[in-house]
Amino acid sequence: MEVLTTIAAIRNFVMAARRQGKSIGLVPTMGYLHEGHLALARKAREQNDVVIMSIFVNPTQFGPGEDLECYPRDLERDQKLAAGAGVDAIFAPGAEEMYPPGYATYVQVEGLTEVLCGASRPGHFRGVATVVSKLFNIVQPDRAYFGLKDYQQAVVIKRLARDLNFPVDIITIPTVREADGLALSSRNKYLSPDERRWALALYRALNTGAALIRSGERRAAVVRDAMAQEILSRPRTRIDYVAVNDAETLEPLDEIRGRVLLALAAWVGETRLIDNMIVEVKD
C-alpha cells in the first residue's frame, strides 16, 4: 500500500491505474479509522480494481470552538488498518496542499444544508461539499463510499454529485454499531467509561421513536418529545436537536408519512454525537 501526500502524486497513481483499464473506488475519511470506515473500504474492494482512501482532517468543516486541533489522529495506526481492509493507496495531504495560500473557492449545496447539523454548525457543509468536490476532481473515482451514520452528509453529497455532474456513483452503507447499539465514531474516543454508557441513550431514543411510529403514532411532536426525554434521562446529556424529518428532502414533518428520518445530535459530557434511523410508514 502506498501513502501519497501530494495532489500530483495521487494523480500519477490514478493515471497509472487508468492506463491499465482499472476501476477506482474512493473512501473519503478524516482518519482515526474504526470498523465503519473499514466496512466502506471492504465494500470498495469488492466493487473496484483499485481502492484509494483519503485521510484528511478538513479544517473548513470545523467551526470556531470545535475540535479541529484535538481531533484524533494516528496515521501509522490508520495505515495498518487500511492495508488490512484492502486499500491500495492512502491520500494523506496536509492542509496547505488542499488549501494553498490565497485559496478562495467554496461549494455550497443549498436547502439540504440548512437543517439538522447544518443549522447548528454553520459553514460545516460548505466545508464538506468543498473538500469532497476537490477529492472527486483530484481522484476522479468511478465510485465513492459514505456511511449513513452521517445521513445528512450522504444526502448532500448525492445532490452535489448530481448537480455538478460528477461522473461518480455514490455508494452508501448502513451505520456500523457496537454490539450494544452505539454508532461507531472517531469521537467516541473522547468518552469516559461513564459517558460511554450514557451515550447509549441516543440509540435508545431512536428505537423509542421508531416503536411509537410502528405502533401507529403519526404526530411528529409526540415522537420528538419521547426521544428527547430518553436522552435527557441520562446524566450530563444536552440536546442539540431531535428531529423527525422527510428522509428525502430533510424537511421537518408535522404529520409522519412515507420514509421518515429520525435524527438527533446531543452532547454527552463535552462530546457531541450524532445518530439516525429510517422508518418506513406505508399507510
C-alpha atoms as a PDB file:
ATOM      1  CA  MET A   1       0.000   0.000   0.000  1.00  0.00           C
ATOM      2  CA  GLU A   2       1.272   3.445  -0.928  1.00  0.00           C
ATOM      3  CA  VAL A   3       0.892   6.597   1.178  1.00  0.00           C
ATOM      4  CA  LEU A   4       0.814   9.700  -1.004  1.00  0.00           C
ATOM      5  CA  THR A   5       0.764  13.239   0.327  1.00  0.00           C
ATOM      6  CA  THR A   6       0.598  15.467  -2.761  1.00  0.00           C
ATOM      7  CA  ILE A   7      -2.066  16.025  -5.390  1.00  0.00           C
ATOM      8  CA  ALA A   8       0.486  15.397  -8.115  1.00  0.00           C
ATOM      9  CA  ALA A   9       1.435  12.025  -6.612  1.00  0.00           C
ATOM     10  CA  ILE A  10      -2.124  10.741  -6.257  1.00  0.00           C
ATOM     11  CA  ARG A  11      -2.968  11.911  -9.791  1.00  0.00           C
ATOM     12  CA  ASN A  12       0.034   9.995 -11.135  1.00  0.00           C
ATOM     13  CA  PHE A  13      -1.103   6.918  -9.204  1.00  0.00           C
ATOM     14  CA  VAL A  14      -4.601   7.223 -10.683  1.00  0.00           C
ATOM     15  CA  MET A  15      -3.303   7.773 -14.224  1.00  0.00           C
ATOM     16  CA  ALA A  16      -1.194   4.622 -13.994  1.00  0.00           C
ATOM     17  CA  ALA A  17      -4.250   2.628 -12.913  1.00  0.00           C
ATOM     18  CA  ARG A  18      -6.390   4.136 -15.672  1.00  0.00           C
ATOM     19  CA  ARG A  19      -3.820   3.223 -18.315  1.00  0.00           C
ATOM     20  CA  GLN A  20      -4.345  -0.385 -17.245  1.00  0.00           C
ATOM     21  CA  GLY A  21      -8.120  -0.009 -17.573  1.00  0.00           C
ATOM     22  CA  LYS A  22      -8.728  -0.324 -13.838  1.00  0.00           C
ATOM     23  CA  SER A  23     -11.767   0.999 -11.986  1.00  0.00           C
ATOM     24  CA  ILE A  24     -11.236   3.179  -8.919  1.00  0.00           C
ATOM     25  CA  GLY A  25     -13.139   3.424  -5.644  1.00  0.00           C
ATOM     26  CA  LEU A  26     -12.617   6.323  -3.241  1.00  0.00           C
ATOM     27  CA  VAL A  27     -13.240   6.186   0.512  1.00  0.00           C
ATOM     28  CA  PRO A  28     -13.027   9.725   1.956  1.00  0.00           C
ATOM     29  CA  THR A  29     -12.246   9.833   5.695  1.00  0.00           C
ATOM     30  CA  MET A  30     -10.783  12.086   8.354  1.00  0.00           C
ATOM     31  CA  GLY A  31      -8.786   9.192   9.719  1.00  0.00           C
ATOM     32  CA  TYR A  32      -8.619   7.594  13.153  1.00  0.00           C
ATOM     33  CA  LEU A  33     -10.238   4.636  11.450  1.00  0.00           C
ATOM     34  CA  HIS A  34     -12.854   2.389  13.004  1.00  0.00           C
ATOM     35  CA  GLU A  35     -14.916  -0.534  11.751  1.00  0.00           C
ATOM     36  CA  GLY A  36     -17.321   1.825   9.964  1.00  0.00           C
ATOM     37  CA  HIS A  37     -14.518   3.160   7.776  1.00  0.00           C
ATOM     38  CA  LEU A  38     -13.172  -0.335   7.206  1.00  0.00           C
ATOM     39  CA  ALA A  39     -16.604  -1.571   6.115  1.00  0.00           C
ATOM     40  CA  LEU A  40     -16.588   1.157   3.471  1.00  0.00           C
ATOM     41  CA  ALA A  41     -13.119   0.099   2.342  1.00  0.00           C
ATOM     42  CA  ARG A  42     -14.137  -3.549   2.101  1.00  0.00           C
ATOM     43  CA  LYS A  43     -17.215  -2.636   0.032  1.00  0.00           C
ATOM     44  CA  ALA A  44     -14.966  -0.566  -2.246  1.00  0.00           C
ATOM     45  CA  ARG A  45     -12.587  -3.550  -2.510  1.00  0.00           C
ATOM     46  CA  GLU A  46     -15.474  -5.749  -3.688  1.00  0.00           C
ATOM     47  CA  GLN A  47     -16.570  -3.318  -6.386  1.00  0.00           C
ATOM     48  CA  ASN A  48     -13.350  -1.816  -7.778  1.00  0.00           C
ATOM     49  CA  ASP A  49      -9.936  -2.821  -9.087  1.00  0.00           C
ATOM     50  CA  VAL A  50      -8.181  -0.088  -7.088  1.00  0.00           C
ATOM     51  CA  VAL A  51      -9.183   1.382  -3.715  1.00  0.00           C
ATOM     52  CA  ILE A  52      -7.969   4.796  -2.594  1.00  0.00           C
ATOM     53  CA  MET A  53      -8.675   6.093   0.904  1.00  0.00           C
ATOM     54  CA  SER A  54      -8.234   9.767   1.693  1.00  0.00           C
ATOM     55  CA  ILE A  55      -7.241  10.695   5.235  1.00  0.00           C
ATOM     56  CA  PHE A  56      -7.587  14.420   5.764  1.00  0.00           C
ATOM     57  CA  VAL A  57      -8.887  16.315   8.793  1.00  0.00           C
ATOM     58  CA  ASN A  58     -10.598  19.015   6.773  1.00  0.00           C
ATOM     59  CA  PRO A  59     -10.288  22.387   8.536  1.00  0.00           C
ATOM     60  CA  THR A  60     -13.036  24.068   6.532  1.00  0.00           C
ATOM     61  CA  GLN A  61     -15.764  21.885   8.034  1.00  0.00           C
ATOM     62  CA  PHE A  62     -14.897  22.801  11.628  1.00  0.00           C
ATOM     63  CA  GLY A  63     -16.397  25.892  13.188  1.00  0.00           C
ATOM     64  CA  PRO A  64     -14.925  28.213  15.837  1.00  0.00           C
ATOM     65  CA  GLY A  65     -14.505  26.413  19.158  1.00  0.00           C
ATOM     66  CA  GLU A  66     -14.920  22.945  17.630  1.00  0.00           C
ATOM     67  CA  ASP A  67     -12.420  20.116  17.987  1.00  0.00           C
ATOM     68  CA  LEU A  68     -10.164  20.647  14.945  1.00  0.00           C
ATOM     69  CA  GLU A  69      -6.941  20.763  16.958  1.00  0.00           C
ATOM     70  CA  CYS A  70      -7.732  17.793  19.192  1.00  0.00           C
ATOM     71  CA  TYR A  71      -9.497  15.609  16.612  1.00  0.00           C
ATOM     72  CA  PRO A  72      -7.835  12.187  16.970  1.00  0.00           C
ATOM     73  CA  ARG A  73      -5.040  11.463  14.503  1.00  0.00           C
ATOM     74  CA  ASP A  74      -2.810   8.395  14.128  1.00  0.00           C
ATOM     75  CA  LEU A  75      -1.650   7.852  10.562  1.00  0.00           C
ATOM     76  CA  GLU A  76       0.601   4.897  11.399  1.00  0.00           C
ATOM     77  CA  ARG A  77      -2.319   3.063  13.009  1.00  0.00           C
ATOM     78  CA  ASP A  78      -4.591   4.008  10.102  1.00  0.00           C
ATOM     79  CA  GLN A  79      -2.128   2.654   7.554  1.00  0.00           C
ATOM     80  CA  LYS A  80      -2.168  -0.798   9.164  1.00  0.00           C
ATOM     81  CA  LEU A  81      -5.959  -0.897   9.384  1.00  0.00           C
ATOM     82  CA  ALA A  82      -6.432   0.356   5.823  1.00  0.00           C
ATOM     83  CA  ALA A  83      -3.985  -2.179   4.420  1.00  0.00           C
ATOM     84  CA  GLY A  84      -5.857  -4.948   6.208  1.00  0.00           C
ATOM     85  CA  ALA A  85      -9.098  -3.827   4.584  1.00  0.00           C
ATOM     86  CA  GLY A  86      -7.618  -3.967   1.093  1.00  0.00           C
ATOM     87  CA  VAL A  87      -6.807  -0.311   0.460  1.00  0.00           C
ATOM     88  CA  ASP A  88      -4.224   0.167  -2.309  1.00  0.00           C
ATOM     89  CA  ALA A  89      -3.263   3.780  -1.612  1.00  0.00           C
ATOM     90  CA  ILE A  90      -3.822   6.391   1.077  1.00  0.00           C
ATOM     91  CA  PHE A  91      -4.014  10.023   0.053  1.00  0.00           C
ATOM     92  CA  ALA A  92      -2.995  11.987   3.169  1.00  0.00           C
ATOM     93  CA  PRO A  93      -2.373  15.614   2.202  1.00  0.00           C
ATOM     94  CA  GLY A  94      -1.569  18.452   4.550  1.00  0.00           C
ATOM     95  CA  ALA A  95      -3.903  21.420   4.900  1.00  0.00           C
ATOM     96  CA  GLU A  96      -1.757  23.668   2.682  1.00  0.00           C
ATOM     97  CA  GLU A  97      -1.759  21.052  -0.085  1.00  0.00           C
ATOM     98  CA  MET A  98      -5.552  21.196  -0.227  1.00  0.00           C
ATOM     99  CA  TYR A  99      -5.952  24.882   0.637  1.00  0.00           C
ATOM    100  CA  PRO A 100      -2.828  26.751  -0.507  1.00  0.00           C
ATOM    101  CA  PRO A 101      -2.311  30.418   0.385  1.00  0.00           C
ATOM    102  CA  GLY A 102      -4.894  32.584  -1.367  1.00  0.00           C
ATOM    103  CA  TYR A 103      -7.462  29.783  -1.608  1.00  0.00           C
ATOM    104  CA  ALA A 104     -10.883  31.402  -2.157  1.00  0.00           C
ATOM    105  CA  THR A 105     -13.305  28.936  -3.791  1.00  0.00           C
ATOM    106  CA  TYR A 106     -16.037  27.064  -1.916  1.00  0.00           C
ATOM    107  CA  VAL A 107     -19.021  24.877  -2.804  1.00  0.00           C
ATOM    108  CA  GLN A 108     -22.442  25.414  -1.224  1.00  0.00           C
ATOM    109  CA  VAL A 109     -25.378  22.998  -1.522  1.00  0.00           C
ATOM    110  CA  GLU A 110     -28.477  24.998  -0.660  1.00  0.00           C
ATOM    111  CA  GLY A 111     -31.606  23.818   1.132  1.00  0.00           C
ATOM    112  CA  LEU A 112     -30.397  20.428   2.327  1.00  0.00           C
ATOM    113  CA  THR A 113     -27.665  22.046   4.441  1.00  0.00           C
ATOM    114  CA  GLU A 114     -29.843  24.483   6.372  1.00  0.00           C
ATOM    115  CA  VAL A 115     -31.438  21.966   8.770  1.00  0.00           C
ATOM    116  CA  LEU A 116     -30.209  19.414  11.323  1.00  0.00           C
ATOM    117  CA  CYS A 117     -26.407  19.646  11.659  1.00  0.00           C
ATOM    118  CA  GLY A 118     -26.349  22.492   9.156  1.00  0.00           C
ATOM    119  CA  ALA A 119     -28.464  24.665  11.450  1.00  0.00           C
ATOM    120  CA  SER A 120     -26.248  24.147  14.481  1.00  0.00           C
ATOM    121  CA  ARG A 121     -22.897  24.068  12.642  1.00  0.00           C
ATOM    122  CA  PRO A 122     -22.974  26.996  10.183  1.00  0.00           C
ATOM    123  CA  GLY A 123     -20.482  26.521   7.376  1.00  0.00           C
ATOM    124  CA  HIS A 124     -19.944  22.838   8.139  1.00  0.00           C
ATOM    125  CA  PHE A 125     -21.499  21.528   4.952  1.00  0.00           C
ATOM    126  CA  ARG A 126     -19.842  24.205   2.842  1.00  0.00           C
ATOM    127  CA  GLY A 127     -16.561  22.713   4.050  1.00  0.00           C
ATOM    128  CA  VAL A 128     -17.757  19.156   3.400  1.00  0.00           C
ATOM    129  CA  ALA A 129     -19.035  19.977  -0.092  1.00  0.00           C
ATOM    130  CA  THR A 130     -15.828  21.807  -0.941  1.00  0.00           C
ATOM    131  CA  VAL A 131     -13.416  19.087   0.149  1.00  0.00           C
ATOM    132  CA  VAL A 132     -15.481  16.310  -1.430  1.00  0.00           C
ATOM    133  CA  SER A 133     -15.632  18.256  -4.703  1.00  0.00           C
ATOM    134  CA  LYS A 134     -11.855  18.640  -4.594  1.00  0.00           C
ATOM    135  CA  LEU A 135     -11.369  14.931  -3.885  1.00  0.00           C
ATOM    136  CA  PHE A 136     -13.696  13.966  -6.744  1.00  0.00           C
ATOM    137  CA  ASN A 137     -11.764  16.277  -9.062  1.00  0.00           C
ATOM    138  CA  ILE A 138      -8.340  15.076  -7.895  1.00  0.00           C
ATOM    139  CA  VAL A 139      -9.035  11.318  -7.853  1.00  0.00           C
ATOM    140  CA  GLN A 140     -11.873  11.114 -10.420  1.00  0.00           C
ATOM    141  CA  PRO A 141     -13.162   7.840  -8.974  1.00  0.00           C
ATOM    142  CA  ASP A 142     -15.787   5.601 -10.523  1.00  0.00           C
ATOM    143  CA  ARG A 143     -17.415   5.148  -7.119  1.00  0.00           C
ATOM    144  CA  ALA A 144     -17.199   6.898  -3.747  1.00  0.00           C
ATOM    145  CA  TYR A 145     -18.256   5.407  -0.410  1.00  0.00           C
ATOM    146  CA  PHE A 146     -20.004   7.039   2.551  1.00  0.00           C
ATOM    147  CA  GLY A 147     -21.602   5.736   5.742  1.00  0.00           C
ATOM    148  CA  LEU A 148     -25.202   6.505   6.644  1.00  0.00           C
ATOM    149  CA  LYS A 149     -24.367   7.456  10.218  1.00  0.00           C
ATOM    150  CA  ASP A 150     -23.771  10.857   8.632  1.00  0.00           C
ATOM    151  CA  TYR A 151     -27.102  10.617   6.822  1.00  0.00           C
ATOM    152  CA  GLN A 152     -27.404  14.314   6.025  1.00  0.00           C
ATOM    153  CA  GLN A 153     -23.870  14.338   4.652  1.00  0.00           C
ATOM    154  CA  ALA A 154     -24.707  11.424   2.337  1.00  0.00           C
ATOM    155  CA  VAL A 155     -27.817  13.212   1.031  1.00  0.00           C
ATOM    156  CA  VAL A 156     -25.835  16.412   0.478  1.00  0.00           C
ATOM    157  CA  ILE A 157     -23.062  14.589  -1.399  1.00  0.00           C
ATOM    158  CA  LYS A 158     -25.533  12.784  -3.638  1.00  0.00           C
ATOM    159  CA  ARG A 159     -27.074  16.146  -4.562  1.00  0.00           C
ATOM    160  CA  LEU A 160     -23.619  17.643  -5.066  1.00  0.00           C
ATOM    161  CA  ALA A 161     -22.585  14.885  -7.471  1.00  0.00           C
ATOM    162  CA  ARG A 162     -25.839  15.186  -9.390  1.00  0.00           C
ATOM    163  CA  ASP A 163     -25.915  18.967  -9.617  1.00  0.00           C
ATOM    164  CA  LEU A 164     -22.252  19.383 -10.585  1.00  0.00           C
ATOM    165  CA  ASN A 165     -22.292  16.412 -12.988  1.00  0.00           C
ATOM    166  CA  PHE A 166     -19.517  14.469 -11.299  1.00  0.00           C
ATOM    167  CA  PRO A 167     -19.358  11.088 -13.100  1.00  0.00           C
ATOM    168  CA  VAL A 168     -19.163   9.148  -9.840  1.00  0.00           C
ATOM    169  CA  ASP A 169     -21.582   6.688  -8.259  1.00  0.00           C
ATOM    170  CA  ILE A 170     -22.233   7.474  -4.587  1.00  0.00           C
ATOM    171  CA  ILE A 171     -22.426   4.233  -2.607  1.00  0.00           C
ATOM    172  CA  THR A 172     -23.729   4.278   0.961  1.00  0.00           C
ATOM    173  CA  ILE A 173     -23.652   1.585   3.620  1.00  0.00           C
ATOM    174  CA  PRO A 174     -25.678   1.314   6.850  1.00  0.00           C
ATOM    175  CA  THR A 175     -24.438   2.662  10.162  1.00  0.00           C
ATOM    176  CA  VAL A 176     -21.974   0.294  11.820  1.00  0.00           C
ATOM    177  CA  ARG A 177     -22.656  -0.118  15.541  1.00  0.00           C
ATOM    178  CA  GLU A 178     -21.124  -1.648  18.628  1.00  0.00           C
ATOM    179  CA  ALA A 179     -22.855  -4.762  19.965  1.00  0.00           C
ATOM    180  CA  ASP A 180     -24.909  -2.592  22.348  1.00  0.00           C
ATOM    181  CA  GLY A 181     -26.045  -0.255  19.566  1.00  0.00           C
ATOM    182  CA  LEU A 182     -23.710   2.725  19.940  1.00  0.00           C
ATOM    183  CA  ALA A 183     -22.890   4.104  16.488  1.00  0.00           C
ATOM    184  CA  LEU A 184     -19.178   3.936  15.724  1.00  0.00           C
ATOM    185  CA  SER A 185     -17.498   7.325  15.612  1.00  0.00           C
ATOM    186  CA  SER A 186     -13.923   8.550  15.886  1.00  0.00           C
ATOM    187  CA  ARG A 187     -15.191  10.957  18.546  1.00  0.00           C
ATOM    188  CA  ASN A 188     -16.212   8.044  20.795  1.00  0.00           C
ATOM    189  CA  LYS A 189     -12.571   8.135  21.867  1.00  0.00           C
ATOM    190  CA  TYR A 190     -13.381  11.267  23.870  1.00  0.00           C
ATOM    191  CA  LEU A 191     -15.920   9.460  26.084  1.00  0.00           C
ATOM    192  CA  SER A 192     -15.113   8.366  29.629  1.00  0.00           C
ATOM    193  CA  PRO A 193     -16.409   4.917  30.676  1.00  0.00           C
ATOM    194  CA  ASP A 194     -19.461   6.521  32.323  1.00  0.00           C
ATOM    195  CA  GLU A 195     -20.109   8.742  29.320  1.00  0.00           C
ATOM    196  CA  ARG A 196     -19.820   5.720  27.051  1.00  0.00           C
ATOM    197  CA  ARG A 197     -22.728   4.130  28.951  1.00  0.00           C
ATOM    198  CA  TRP A 198     -24.778   7.324  28.907  1.00  0.00           C
ATOM    199  CA  ALA A 199     -24.229   7.689  25.165  1.00  0.00           C
ATOM    200  CA  LEU A 200     -26.409   4.619  24.604  1.00  0.00           C
ATOM    201  CA  ALA A 201     -29.347   6.961  25.212  1.00  0.00           C
ATOM    202  CA  LEU A 202     -29.027   8.153  21.606  1.00  0.00           C
ATOM    203  CA  TYR A 203     -29.694   4.731  20.134  1.00  0.00           C
ATOM    204  CA  ARG A 204     -32.409   4.056  22.692  1.00  0.00           C
ATOM    205  CA  ALA A 205     -34.068   7.350  21.788  1.00  0.00           C
ATOM    206  CA  LEU A 206     -34.151   6.362  18.115  1.00  0.00           C
ATOM    207  CA  ASN A 207     -35.663   2.997  18.985  1.00  0.00           C
ATOM    208  CA  THR A 208     -38.238   4.724  21.193  1.00  0.00           C
ATOM    209  CA  GLY A 209     -39.266   6.968  18.310  1.00  0.00           C
ATOM    210  CA  ALA A 210     -39.368   4.110  15.833  1.00  0.00           C
ATOM    211  CA  ALA A 211     -41.500   1.993  18.175  1.00  0.00           C
ATOM    212  CA  LEU A 212     -44.013   4.822  18.567  1.00  0.00           C
ATOM    213  CA  ILE A 213     -44.316   5.226  14.805  1.00  0.00           C
ATOM    214  CA  ARG A 214     -44.688   1.489  14.240  1.00  0.00           C
ATOM    215  CA  SER A 215     -47.429   1.391  16.878  1.00  0.00           C
ATOM    216  CA  GLY A 216     -49.399   3.993  14.916  1.00  0.00           C
ATOM    217  CA  GLU A 217     -48.277   7.378  16.265  1.00  0.00           C
ATOM    218  CA  ARG A 218     -48.334   9.955  13.461  1.00  0.00           C
ATOM    219  CA  ARG A 219     -47.740  13.177  15.383  1.00  0.00           C
ATOM    220  CA  ALA A 220     -44.121  14.148  14.900  1.00  0.00           C
ATOM    221  CA  ALA A 221     -44.122  16.347  18.009  1.00  0.00           C
ATOM    222  CA  VAL A 222     -45.059  13.383  20.198  1.00  0.00           C
ATOM    223  CA  VAL A 223     -42.238  11.282  18.737  1.00  0.00           C
ATOM    224  CA  ARG A 224     -39.705  14.101  19.150  1.00  0.00           C
ATOM    225  CA  ASP A 225     -40.687  14.638  22.782  1.00  0.00           C
ATOM    226  CA  ALA A 226     -40.358  10.940  23.613  1.00  0.00           C
ATOM    227  CA  MET A 227     -36.916  10.789  22.008  1.00  0.00           C
ATOM    228  CA  ALA A 228     -35.780  13.901  23.875  1.00  0.00           C
ATOM    229  CA  GLN A 229     -36.948  12.514  27.211  1.00  0.00           C
ATOM    230  CA  GLU A 230     -34.933   9.345  26.644  1.00  0.00           C
ATOM    231  CA  ILE A 231     -31.763  11.349  26.036  1.00  0.00           C
ATOM    232  CA  LEU A 232     -32.262  13.708  28.958  1.00  0.00           C
ATOM    233  CA  SER A 233     -32.881  10.810  31.341  1.00  0.00           C
ATOM    234  CA  ARG A 234     -29.111  10.210  31.397  1.00  0.00           C
ATOM    235  CA  PRO A 235     -26.585  12.305  33.331  1.00  0.00           C
ATOM    236  CA  ARG A 236     -24.539  15.017  31.616  1.00  0.00           C
ATOM    237  CA  THR A 237     -26.515  14.951  28.366  1.00  0.00           C
ATOM    238  CA  ARG A 238     -27.589  18.018  26.384  1.00  0.00           C
ATOM    239  CA  ILE A 239     -29.641  18.027  23.210  1.00  0.00           C
ATOM    240  CA  ASP A 240     -28.531  19.880  20.093  1.00  0.00           C
ATOM    241  CA  TYR A 241     -31.532  18.716  18.066  1.00  0.00           C
ATOM    242  CA  VAL A 242     -34.056  15.906  17.883  1.00  0.00           C
ATOM    243  CA  ALA A 243     -35.762  15.713  14.505  1.00  0.00           C
ATOM    244  CA  VAL A 244     -38.491  13.847  12.657  1.00  0.00           C
ATOM    245  CA  ASN A 245     -37.919  14.766   9.016  1.00  0.00           C
ATOM    246  CA  ASP A 246     -38.656  13.619   5.493  1.00  0.00           C
ATOM    247  CA  ALA A 247     -35.883  11.196   4.532  1.00  0.00           C
ATOM    248  CA  GLU A 248     -35.527  12.593   1.003  1.00  0.00           C
ATOM    249  CA  THR A 249     -35.933  16.370   1.377  1.00  0.00           C
ATOM    250  CA  LEU A 250     -34.806  16.546   5.043  1.00  0.00           C
ATOM    251  CA  GLU A 251     -37.722  18.911   5.710  1.00  0.00           C
ATOM    252  CA  PRO A 252     -39.272  18.726   9.215  1.00  0.00           C
ATOM    253  CA  LEU A 253     -42.574  16.867   9.435  1.00  0.00           C
ATOM    254  CA  ASP A 254     -45.699  17.630  11.436  1.00  0.00           C
ATOM    255  CA  GLU A 255     -47.527  14.510  10.307  1.00  0.00           C
ATOM    256  CA  ILE A 256     -45.487  11.356   9.907  1.00  0.00           C
ATOM    257  CA  ARG A 257     -45.730   9.738   6.477  1.00  0.00           C
ATOM    258  CA  GLY A 258     -43.563   7.966   3.898  1.00  0.00           C
ATOM    259  CA  ARG A 259     -39.867   7.449   4.561  1.00  0.00           C
ATOM    260  CA  VAL A 260     -39.084   9.194   7.814  1.00  0.00           C
ATOM    261  CA  LEU A 261     -35.694  10.193   9.155  1.00  0.00           C
ATOM    262  CA  LEU A 262     -35.322  10.141  12.921  1.00  0.00           C
ATOM    263  CA  ALA A 263     -32.169  12.126  13.609  1.00  0.00           C
ATOM    264  CA  LEU A 264     -30.518  13.576  16.654  1.00  0.00           C
ATOM    265  CA  ALA A 265     -27.400  15.257  17.917  1.00  0.00           C
ATOM    266  CA  ALA A 266     -26.537  15.500  21.587  1.00  0.00           C
ATOM    267  CA  TRP A 267     -23.629  16.224  23.866  1.00  0.00           C
ATOM    268  CA  VAL A 268     -22.583  13.521  26.290  1.00  0.00           C
ATOM    269  CA  GLY A 269     -20.266  15.324  28.629  1.00  0.00           C
ATOM    270  CA  GLU A 270     -18.275  17.540  26.263  1.00  0.00           C
ATOM    271  CA  THR A 271     -18.591  15.230  23.240  1.00  0.00           C
ATOM    272  CA  ARG A 272     -21.124  15.912  20.503  1.00  0.00           C
ATOM    273  CA  LEU A 273     -22.501  12.725  18.937  1.00  0.00           C
ATOM    274  CA  ILE A 274     -24.994  12.145  16.130  1.00  0.00           C
ATOM    275  CA  ASP A 275     -27.169   9.202  15.134  1.00  0.00           C
ATOM    276  CA  ASN A 276     -30.186   8.458  12.985  1.00  0.00           C
ATOM    277  CA  MET A 277     -32.660   5.813  11.887  1.00  0.00           C
ATOM    278  CA  ILE A 278     -35.009   5.461   8.912  1.00  0.00           C
ATOM    279  CA  VAL A 279     -38.589   4.320   9.472  1.00  0.00           C
ATOM    280  CA  GLU A 280     -40.946   3.406   6.623  1.00  0.00           C
ATOM    281  CA  VAL A 281     -44.607   4.361   7.021  1.00  0.00           C
ATOM    282  CA  LYS A 282     -46.729   2.552   4.465  1.00  0.00           C
ATOM    283  CA  ASP A 283     -50.237   3.746   5.353  1.00  0.00           C
END
